Each structure stands twice: as C-alpha cells, then as structure tokens.
Amino acid sequence: MPANALVLFDIDGTLLRRAGPHHRQALEDAIRHVIGRPATTDGIPVSGMLDGDILMRMLKASGMKRADSAAALPTIIEKAQALYVRRCPDLRSKVCPGVPGFLRGLSARSIPLGLVTGNLSRIGWTKMRRAGLRHHFLLGAFADQGRTRAALARLAIRDARRQGLIGANAIVSLVGDHPNDIAAARANGLRSVAVGTGVVPLDELAACGPDILVPDLRSLAPDGLLCA
C-alpha cells in the first residue's frame, strides 16, 4: 500500500559533515586527467551547488571556453565518480547528530526515504554506503540527472510515484542545510526542513522561512513529518 508521506534528504551538511577532501579532490583530479590542465575549487562557494555547476565553474576559472567545457563535462563526470568510488574512506564517524535514529524512526513507520543532492550519483550512493546509511534509501535524484535542485526534487517525487511508494496526496518533506534546499522545497510545494549541521548559520536559514528549523535532527521527532 502506498505511504502517505515521503521524506527527501540532502547529503552534505545534512546527513554527513566534514566528510573530508576526497570529493573535491576527485573533481580536481578528473579535470586534470581529462583536459590536461589544473583546476581547483578554491574560491568557488561549493555549498549548496550541484557538482556539474562546480565543474563548469572550475573549468571557466582554468581558462577553458564554455563550449569546450560543456563538451568535456560528461567525460569529466565519469572520471570524477570513478576516482571517488575508489578513494572514499569510511564515513561512519561523519554522520550528523541524530541522523541514524531519525532515519530508523521513519523506516519503522514504513515511510519511504530518498536523496535529493548536488552530488553526482555514484558519489552520493558511495557516501551513503560508506556511512552505513545506504539501506534506508529507496531512491535518489543527483546532479547528473537534473540542472537544478528543484528539478531534482521533482524527479525524486515522480520516481516515488512511479514505483508506487506514495499516493497522490502524500506529504513530501525535503530536509537540507542550505537556503537552496529551502528554495527547492518551496518551488515544489514541499515541506521544508532546515537543519543547522552545515556551514550556514541558523539565523540565515531562519531568514529563508523554512517550515521547520532545528539545530540538528535530534530536535525533531519522526512523527513531526507525518502529518499536515
């Protein structure tokens, strides 16, 4: 029977924090491998961005023309994911406070869970496996599947409906640590849940008007997302 709720989660700053330099290094090394020139994330405000946009900014900063960058991007994306999968460390110690209990509580109530993240797909799923959280998530929408975070949220909801996981009137919540997560929820008419476990201070998140604002998921009961 379809569930009456769906909860979608961002990864970095929401489920995991201080996960190490391996993600950025994979992006940088992939560019160097594919186009033969150095590129860096230095000076790029990566928080809340999609990996594809980060790579395009890196390529622009390296002096590459946009058309050439766009042509090289698919190969760079594949290389970055392959590098990260090989290098990703154990991330169980990087799980944000309250996350394991919150996910268990939702799963115990038969609420389907999904990811909506700026990570590339293989990078995102690898993080979840290495953090010991993969088994909680039935679906995901990633940077290589859409151009904006709002589009990814729509994709995740369509996938949940296609799989028969949720009914037409299901309550959908998007949990994230960045104003872009709040904006993506608002663009889709979702409940926005902002957590202060990322780099954005709570007062800045509050100014964006999320429906729920908590310092971390220890402060939110799973049942709080199951009713209108």
Protein backbone atom coordinates (compact mmCIF):
# COMPACT_ATOMS: atom_id res chain seq x y z
CA MET A 1 0.00 0.00 0.00
CA PRO A 2 1.42 3.43 -0.89
CA ALA A 3 2.68 5.50 2.04
CA ASN A 4 1.10 8.81 3.00
CA ALA A 5 4.47 10.58 3.32
CA LEU A 6 7.86 10.80 1.63
CA VAL A 7 10.99 12.35 3.14
CA LEU A 8 13.85 13.52 0.93
CA PHE A 9 17.31 14.36 2.24
CA ASP A 10 20.29 16.36 1.11
CA ILE A 11 23.64 14.68 1.89
CA ASP A 12 26.48 17.09 2.68
CA GLY A 13 25.79 19.13 5.81
CA THR A 14 22.51 17.28 6.37
CA LEU A 15 23.32 13.58 6.67
CA LEU A 16 27.13 13.92 6.74
CA ARG A 17 29.52 16.69 7.73
CA ARG A 18 33.27 17.15 7.47
CA ALA A 19 33.44 14.15 5.15
CA GLY A 20 36.99 15.00 4.09
CA PRO A 21 38.66 16.36 0.93
CA HIS A 22 38.11 13.28 -1.24
CA HIS A 23 35.09 14.69 -3.10
CA ARG A 24 36.79 17.93 -4.09
CA GLN A 25 39.97 16.13 -4.98
CA ALA A 26 38.07 13.76 -7.26
CA LEU A 27 36.62 16.74 -9.16
CA GLU A 28 40.00 18.44 -9.44
CA ASP A 29 41.86 15.29 -10.48
CA ALA A 30 39.20 14.39 -13.04
CA ILE A 31 39.63 17.72 -14.80
CA ARG A 32 43.39 17.37 -14.81
CA HIS A 33 43.13 13.83 -16.19
CA VAL A 34 40.65 14.68 -18.96
CA ILE A 35 41.82 18.08 -20.20
CA GLY A 36 45.42 18.09 -19.01
CA ARG A 37 45.31 21.33 -17.06
CA PRO A 38 44.99 22.07 -13.33
CA ALA A 39 41.73 23.29 -11.85
CA THR A 40 40.64 23.93 -8.29
CA THR A 41 37.54 24.53 -6.21
CA ASP A 42 39.35 27.36 -4.40
CA GLY A 43 37.20 30.49 -4.47
CA ILE A 44 34.07 28.61 -5.55
CA PRO A 45 31.20 28.65 -3.00
CA VAL A 46 30.52 24.93 -3.36
CA SER A 47 27.99 24.68 -0.52
CA GLY A 48 24.54 24.13 -1.98
CA MET A 49 25.82 23.80 -5.56
CA LEU A 50 25.40 20.88 -7.95
CA ASP A 51 28.59 19.06 -8.89
CA GLY A 52 28.09 19.79 -12.59
CA ASP A 53 27.90 23.52 -11.89
CA ILE A 54 31.00 23.30 -9.70
CA LEU A 55 32.91 21.58 -12.50
CA MET A 56 31.82 24.20 -15.03
CA ARG A 57 32.96 26.98 -12.70
CA MET A 58 36.30 25.23 -12.25
CA LEU A 59 36.74 24.88 -16.00
CA LYS A 60 35.89 28.52 -16.57
CA ALA A 61 38.42 29.57 -13.94
CA SER A 62 41.03 27.43 -15.70
CA GLY A 63 40.54 29.48 -18.86
CA MET A 64 38.51 26.99 -20.86
CA LYS A 65 35.76 28.23 -23.19
CA ARG A 66 32.21 27.32 -22.23
CA ALA A 67 31.52 25.26 -25.35
CA ASP A 68 34.70 23.25 -24.83
CA SER A 69 33.86 22.81 -21.14
CA ALA A 70 30.38 21.53 -21.95
CA ALA A 71 31.80 19.06 -24.45
CA ALA A 72 34.33 17.71 -21.93
CA LEU A 73 31.92 17.64 -18.99
CA PRO A 74 30.42 14.13 -19.46
CA THR A 75 33.87 12.53 -19.55
CA ILE A 76 34.99 14.55 -16.54
CA ILE A 77 31.88 13.50 -14.61
CA GLU A 78 32.53 9.83 -15.30
CA LYS A 79 36.17 10.14 -14.26
CA ALA A 80 35.34 12.05 -11.07
CA GLN A 81 32.87 9.39 -9.99
CA ALA A 82 35.31 6.56 -10.70
CA LEU A 83 38.02 8.31 -8.68
CA TYR A 84 35.74 8.96 -5.73
CA VAL A 85 34.42 5.40 -5.59
CA ARG A 86 37.99 4.13 -5.31
CA ARG A 87 39.09 6.70 -2.74
CA CYS A 88 36.11 7.21 -0.42
CA PRO A 89 37.05 6.47 3.19
CA ASP A 90 34.89 5.05 5.96
CA LEU A 91 32.37 7.81 6.74
CA ARG A 92 30.52 6.33 9.69
CA SER A 93 32.12 8.84 12.06
CA LYS A 94 30.94 11.71 9.83
CA VAL A 95 27.21 11.11 10.21
CA CYS A 96 25.45 14.18 11.60
CA PRO A 97 23.95 14.11 15.10
CA GLY A 98 20.53 12.48 15.30
CA VAL A 99 20.58 11.11 11.75
CA PRO A 100 20.69 7.34 12.47
CA GLY A 101 17.83 7.45 14.97
CA PHE A 102 15.75 9.75 12.79
CA LEU A 103 16.13 7.51 9.73
CA ARG A 104 15.35 4.41 11.78
CA GLY A 105 12.25 6.08 13.16
CA LEU A 106 10.94 6.95 9.70
CA SER A 107 11.76 3.49 8.34
CA ALA A 108 9.99 1.87 11.28
CA ARG A 109 6.88 3.81 10.26
CA SER A 110 7.19 2.49 6.68
CA ILE A 111 7.92 5.97 5.28
CA PRO A 112 9.96 5.80 2.06
CA LEU A 113 13.14 7.87 2.10
CA GLY A 114 15.04 9.41 -0.79
CA LEU A 115 18.01 11.61 -1.59
CA VAL A 116 17.99 14.97 -3.35
CA THR A 117 21.58 16.10 -3.59
CA GLY A 118 24.09 18.08 -5.58
CA ASN A 119 26.40 15.06 -5.55
CA LEU A 120 26.89 13.02 -8.69
CA SER A 121 25.01 9.72 -8.43
CA ARG A 122 27.89 7.30 -7.85
CA ILE A 123 29.48 9.74 -5.40
CA GLY A 124 26.24 10.12 -3.44
CA TRP A 125 25.48 6.42 -3.22
CA THR A 126 29.09 5.66 -2.28
CA LYS A 127 28.89 8.17 0.57
CA MET A 128 25.75 6.51 1.84
CA ARG A 129 27.31 3.04 1.71
CA ARG A 130 30.49 4.15 3.45
CA ALA A 131 28.45 5.96 6.10
CA GLY A 132 26.33 2.86 6.81
CA LEU A 133 23.13 4.61 5.69
CA ARG A 134 22.51 3.17 2.22
CA HIS A 135 19.85 0.67 3.32
CA HIS A 136 17.49 3.44 4.42
CA PHE A 137 17.07 4.98 0.94
CA LEU A 138 14.85 3.63 -1.80
CA LEU A 139 15.58 6.30 -4.41
CA GLY A 140 17.72 9.30 -5.20
CA ALA A 141 17.99 12.27 -7.56
CA PHE A 142 21.51 13.51 -8.25
CA ALA A 143 23.44 16.25 -10.04
CA ASP A 144 23.89 14.22 -13.21
CA GLN A 145 20.10 13.85 -13.53
CA GLY A 146 18.91 17.46 -13.49
CA ARG A 147 20.03 21.06 -13.82
CA THR A 148 18.63 22.48 -10.59
CA ARG A 149 17.91 21.25 -7.09
CA ALA A 150 14.21 22.00 -7.61
CA ALA A 151 14.21 19.81 -10.74
CA LEU A 152 15.89 17.01 -8.78
CA ALA A 153 13.20 17.19 -6.10
CA ARG A 154 10.52 16.86 -8.78
CA LEU A 155 12.37 13.90 -10.27
CA ALA A 156 12.54 12.14 -6.90
CA ILE A 157 8.81 12.62 -6.32
CA ARG A 158 7.95 11.32 -9.79
CA ASP A 159 10.16 8.29 -9.19
CA ALA A 160 8.46 7.59 -5.85
CA ARG A 161 5.05 7.74 -7.52
CA ARG A 162 6.18 5.62 -10.46
CA GLN A 163 7.37 2.95 -8.03
CA GLY A 164 4.08 3.08 -6.17
CA LEU A 165 5.79 4.15 -2.95
CA ILE A 166 3.47 7.08 -2.24
CA GLY A 167 -0.09 8.08 -3.01
CA ALA A 168 -1.23 11.20 -4.83
CA ASN A 169 -1.85 13.11 -1.59
CA ALA A 170 1.33 12.11 0.22
CA ILE A 171 3.03 14.74 2.38
CA VAL A 172 6.53 15.32 1.00
CA SER A 173 9.30 16.90 3.08
CA LEU A 174 12.74 18.00 1.94
CA VAL A 175 15.42 18.09 4.64
CA GLY A 176 18.52 20.18 3.97
CA ASP A 177 21.10 22.51 5.46
CA HIS A 178 21.22 25.26 2.82
CA PRO A 179 18.94 28.04 1.51
CA ASN A 180 18.96 26.23 -1.85
CA ASP A 181 17.25 23.25 -0.20
CA ILE A 182 14.57 25.53 1.22
CA ALA A 183 14.07 27.16 -2.18
CA ALA A 184 13.82 23.76 -3.90
CA ALA A 185 11.14 22.69 -1.42
CA ARG A 186 9.19 25.90 -1.89
CA ALA A 187 9.37 25.64 -5.69
CA ASN A 188 7.68 22.24 -5.49
CA GLY A 189 5.19 22.96 -2.72
CA LEU A 190 7.01 20.67 -0.28
CA ARG A 191 7.51 20.99 3.44
CA SER A 192 10.98 22.43 4.01
CA VAL A 193 13.01 21.21 6.98
CA ALA A 194 16.24 23.12 7.62
CA VAL A 195 18.96 21.74 9.88
CA GLY A 196 21.90 23.70 11.28
CA THR A 197 24.50 21.00 10.78
CA GLY A 198 26.02 22.53 7.64
CA VAL A 199 28.00 25.70 7.09
CA VAL A 200 25.02 28.08 7.01
CA PRO A 201 24.19 29.61 10.43
CA LEU A 202 20.75 29.03 11.89
CA ASP A 203 19.81 32.71 11.68
CA GLU A 204 20.49 32.74 7.94
CA LEU A 205 18.40 29.62 7.49
CA ALA A 206 15.62 31.16 9.57
CA ALA A 207 15.61 34.23 7.30
CA CYS A 208 14.75 31.93 4.37
CA GLY A 209 11.50 30.90 6.06
CA PRO A 210 11.67 27.10 6.28
CA ASP A 211 8.59 25.34 7.62
CA ILE A 212 10.71 23.63 10.30
CA LEU A 213 14.09 24.77 11.61
CA VAL A 214 16.16 22.67 14.04
CA PRO A 215 19.82 22.71 15.10
CA ASP A 216 20.07 19.01 14.21
CA LEU A 217 17.79 16.01 13.79
CA ARG A 218 17.93 15.13 17.48
CA SER A 219 15.47 18.01 17.89
CA LEU A 220 12.86 16.63 15.50
CA ALA A 221 10.63 13.61 16.09
CA PRO A 222 9.88 11.47 13.02
CA ASP A 223 6.16 11.85 13.63
CA GLY A 224 6.58 15.60 13.06
CA LEU A 225 6.84 14.93 9.31
CA LEU A 226 3.88 12.59 9.02
CA CYS A 227 1.01 14.99 9.44
CA ALA A 228 -0.05 18.17 7.66
